[in-house]
Protein backbone atom coordinates (compact mmCIF):
# COMPACT_ATOMS: atom_id res chain seq x y z
CA MET A 1 54.11 -7.38 -9.16
CA GLY A 2 55.02 -4.48 -6.99
CA ALA A 3 53.45 -3.22 -3.80
CA LYS A 4 51.52 -0.56 -5.67
CA GLU A 5 49.88 -3.07 -8.02
CA ALA A 6 49.06 -5.45 -5.16
CA TYR A 7 47.47 -2.61 -3.20
CA GLN A 8 45.40 -1.53 -6.21
CA GLN A 9 44.23 -5.11 -6.82
CA LYS A 10 43.25 -5.41 -3.19
CA LEU A 11 41.20 -2.20 -3.41
CA ASP A 12 39.68 -3.25 -6.74
CA ALA A 13 38.63 -6.60 -5.28
CA GLN A 14 37.04 -4.93 -2.26
CA LEU A 15 35.34 -2.40 -4.50
CA LYS A 16 33.87 -5.22 -6.60
CA LEU A 17 32.47 -6.83 -3.45
CA TRP A 18 30.95 -3.57 -2.28
CA ASN A 19 29.54 -2.84 -5.73
CA ALA A 20 27.85 -6.25 -5.71
CA GLU A 21 26.30 -5.47 -2.31
CA ILE A 22 25.17 -2.04 -3.50
CA ASP A 23 23.54 -3.68 -6.53
CA LYS A 24 21.70 -6.07 -4.19
CA TRP A 25 20.51 -3.13 -2.06
CA GLU A 26 19.32 -1.29 -5.14
CA ALA A 27 17.36 -4.33 -6.34
CA LYS A 28 15.88 -4.75 -2.89
CA THR A 29 14.87 -1.08 -2.83
CA GLU A 30 13.23 -1.34 -6.24
CA ARG A 31 11.39 -4.48 -5.19
CA ALA A 32 10.26 -2.80 -1.98
CA ALA A 33 9.05 0.18 -3.94
CA ALA A 34 7.08 -2.12 -6.23
CA GLU A 35 5.64 -3.97 -3.24
CA ALA A 36 4.70 -0.65 -1.65
CA LYS A 37 2.94 0.36 -4.86
CA ILE A 38 1.01 -2.88 -4.79
CA GLN A 39 0.01 -2.28 -1.17
CA TYR A 40 -1.04 1.29 -1.97
CA PHE A 41 -3.07 0.05 -4.93
CA GLU A 42 -4.72 -2.66 -2.85
CA SER A 43 -5.55 -0.15 -0.12
CA LEU A 44 -7.06 2.24 -2.63
CA GLU A 45 -9.11 -0.48 -4.26
CA SER A 46 -10.41 -1.62 -0.87
CA VAL A 47 -11.42 1.92 0.06
CA LYS A 48 -13.07 2.48 -3.31
CA ARG A 49 -15.06 -0.78 -3.03
CA LYS A 50 -16.24 0.09 0.44
CA ARG A 51 -17.06 3.66 -0.64
CA HIS A 52 -19.16 2.22 -3.46
CA VAL A 53 -21.06 -0.03 -1.04
CA VAL A 54 -21.74 2.95 1.24
CA GLY A 55 -22.98 4.94 -1.75
CA GLU A 56 -25.34 2.13 -2.73
CA LYS A 57 -26.65 1.75 0.81
CA LEU A 58 -27.21 5.51 1.11
CA HIS A 59 -29.01 5.54 -2.23
CA GLN A 60 -31.26 2.69 -1.09
CA ALA A 61 -31.93 4.53 2.16
CA ARG A 62 -32.83 7.76 0.33
CA GLU A 63 -35.26 5.89 -1.91
CA ALA A 64 -36.84 3.94 0.96
CA SER A 65 -39.92 4.86 2.86
CA ALA A 66 -39.70 5.97 6.48
CA GLU A 67 -40.59 2.47 7.66
CA ALA A 68 -38.03 0.81 5.39
CA TRP A 69 -35.38 3.32 6.47
CA GLU A 70 -35.30 1.83 9.94
CA GLY A 71 -34.53 -1.57 8.45
CA LEU A 72 -31.82 -0.19 6.17
CA LYS A 73 -30.19 1.97 8.82
CA ALA A 74 -28.20 -0.90 10.35
CA GLY A 75 -26.84 -1.87 6.93
CA VAL A 76 -25.84 1.71 6.20
CA GLU A 77 -24.06 2.00 9.55
CA ALA A 78 -22.24 -1.32 9.08
CA ALA A 79 -21.11 -0.31 5.57
CA TRP A 80 -20.06 3.08 6.92
CA ASP A 81 -17.97 1.50 9.69
CA GLU A 82 -16.24 -0.80 7.20
CA PHE A 83 -15.53 2.15 4.91
CA LYS A 84 -14.19 4.24 7.79
CA THR A 85 -11.88 1.43 8.93
CA ALA A 86 -10.56 0.88 5.39
CA TYR A 87 -10.09 4.62 4.95
CA GLU A 88 -8.13 4.96 8.19
CA LYS A 89 -5.87 2.01 7.29
CA ALA A 90 -5.18 3.47 3.86
CA ALA A 91 -4.56 6.93 5.31
CA ALA A 92 -1.95 5.49 7.68
CA LYS A 93 -0.13 3.86 4.75
CA PHE A 94 -0.09 7.03 2.70
CA LYS A 95 1.35 9.23 5.47
């Protein structure tokens, strides 16, 4: 084997090593993208659940008498705070 062939084999071997690393990086990127999708989905579901609870609480408050409203107000505010917190966390992930 001549110098040219030895040099080419050396480069081919290095290229194979780098290609293997690039393949690992690509798999890692795809996995990260999938994990990010899962996190986005979970954030959305959390916000939607909390939005639903707020909607129910507001509906109950609208249907309640003035006296009952005072009792429901704390529940509405607590649900609202939970929704707001979930919304802000999700918004930060989507930026």
